[in-house]
Amino acid sequence: MPERDGLETIWALTREFPDVPIIAMNENDETLYYLKVARFFGADRVLPKPFLMDELLKMVREELQRGPSPT
């Protein structure tokens, strides 16, 4: 993402579109810290890389079934 990093994107999305589920994924030397911060910034789910495609698909299905939060 050339304009902002993932955490900035999560922060902006949760402010503008609070009902859109966000799954954050990351792989680097500080993955666990990054994913913890991603949750704090509003990510609904986190997934450390590498992961199996089935894991991601399961998360996406669960989030779609959950639907928007009641207002």
Protein backbone atom coordinates (compact mmCIF):
# COMPACT_ATOMS: atom_id res chain seq x y z
CA MET A 1 0.00 0.00 0.00
CA PRO A 2 1.89 3.03 -1.22
CA GLU A 3 -0.06 5.71 0.65
CA ARG A 4 -0.24 4.17 4.15
CA ASP A 5 0.64 1.02 6.02
CA GLY A 6 -1.77 -1.70 7.10
CA LEU A 7 -2.32 -0.34 10.59
CA GLU A 8 -3.18 3.11 9.27
CA THR A 9 -5.58 1.48 6.80
CA ILE A 10 -7.28 -0.53 9.56
CA TRP A 11 -7.64 2.62 11.68
CA ALA A 12 -9.17 4.59 8.79
CA LEU A 13 -11.53 1.79 7.70
CA THR A 14 -12.89 1.18 11.18
CA ARG A 15 -13.68 4.89 11.51
CA GLU A 16 -15.34 5.28 8.11
CA PHE A 17 -16.94 1.82 7.76
CA PRO A 18 -17.38 0.38 11.27
CA ASP A 19 -19.43 -2.63 10.12
CA VAL A 20 -16.90 -3.90 7.57
CA PRO A 21 -15.04 -6.88 9.01
CA ILE A 22 -11.26 -6.73 8.79
CA ILE A 23 -8.90 -9.68 8.76
CA ALA A 24 -5.30 -8.57 9.31
CA MET A 25 -2.42 -10.78 8.26
CA ASN A 26 1.29 -10.29 8.63
CA GLU A 27 4.66 -11.97 8.46
CA ASN A 28 7.78 -10.31 9.75
CA ASP A 29 10.04 -10.34 12.78
CA GLU A 30 7.39 -8.62 14.90
CA THR A 31 4.29 -10.45 13.64
CA LEU A 32 2.72 -11.09 17.04
CA TYR A 33 3.16 -7.47 18.10
CA TYR A 34 1.80 -6.18 14.78
CA LEU A 35 -1.26 -8.42 14.96
CA LYS A 36 -1.92 -7.39 18.57
CA VAL A 37 -1.82 -3.74 17.49
CA ALA A 38 -4.05 -4.56 14.50
CA ARG A 39 -6.67 -5.94 16.91
CA PHE A 40 -6.37 -2.81 19.05
CA PHE A 41 -6.89 -0.65 15.94
CA GLY A 42 -10.07 -2.55 15.04
CA ALA A 43 -9.23 -5.72 13.11
CA ASP A 44 -11.87 -8.36 13.81
CA ARG A 45 -9.52 -11.27 13.15
CA VAL A 46 -5.79 -11.74 12.77
CA LEU A 47 -3.88 -14.37 10.87
CA PRO A 48 -0.11 -14.85 11.02
CA LYS A 49 1.62 -15.88 7.80
CA PRO A 50 2.18 -18.47 6.56
CA PHE A 51 -1.35 -19.82 6.78
CA LEU A 52 -3.43 -22.38 4.95
CA MET A 53 -5.97 -21.06 2.47
CA ASP A 54 -8.63 -23.06 4.31
CA GLU A 55 -7.93 -21.02 7.46
CA LEU A 56 -8.49 -17.75 5.63
CA LEU A 57 -11.61 -19.01 3.87
CA LYS A 58 -13.05 -20.21 7.18
CA MET A 59 -12.49 -16.75 8.72
CA VAL A 60 -14.08 -15.00 5.74
CA ARG A 61 -17.11 -17.30 5.83
CA GLU A 62 -17.55 -16.78 9.57
CA GLU A 63 -17.37 -13.01 9.20
CA LEU A 64 -19.88 -13.03 6.34
CA GLN A 65 -22.28 -15.19 8.35
CA ARG A 66 -21.92 -12.93 11.37
CA GLY A 67 -23.14 -9.96 9.37
CA PRO A 68 -23.12 -6.34 10.54
CA SER A 69 -23.27 -5.52 14.21
CA PRO A 70 -26.61 -4.23 15.49
CA THR A 71 -26.81 -0.45 15.86
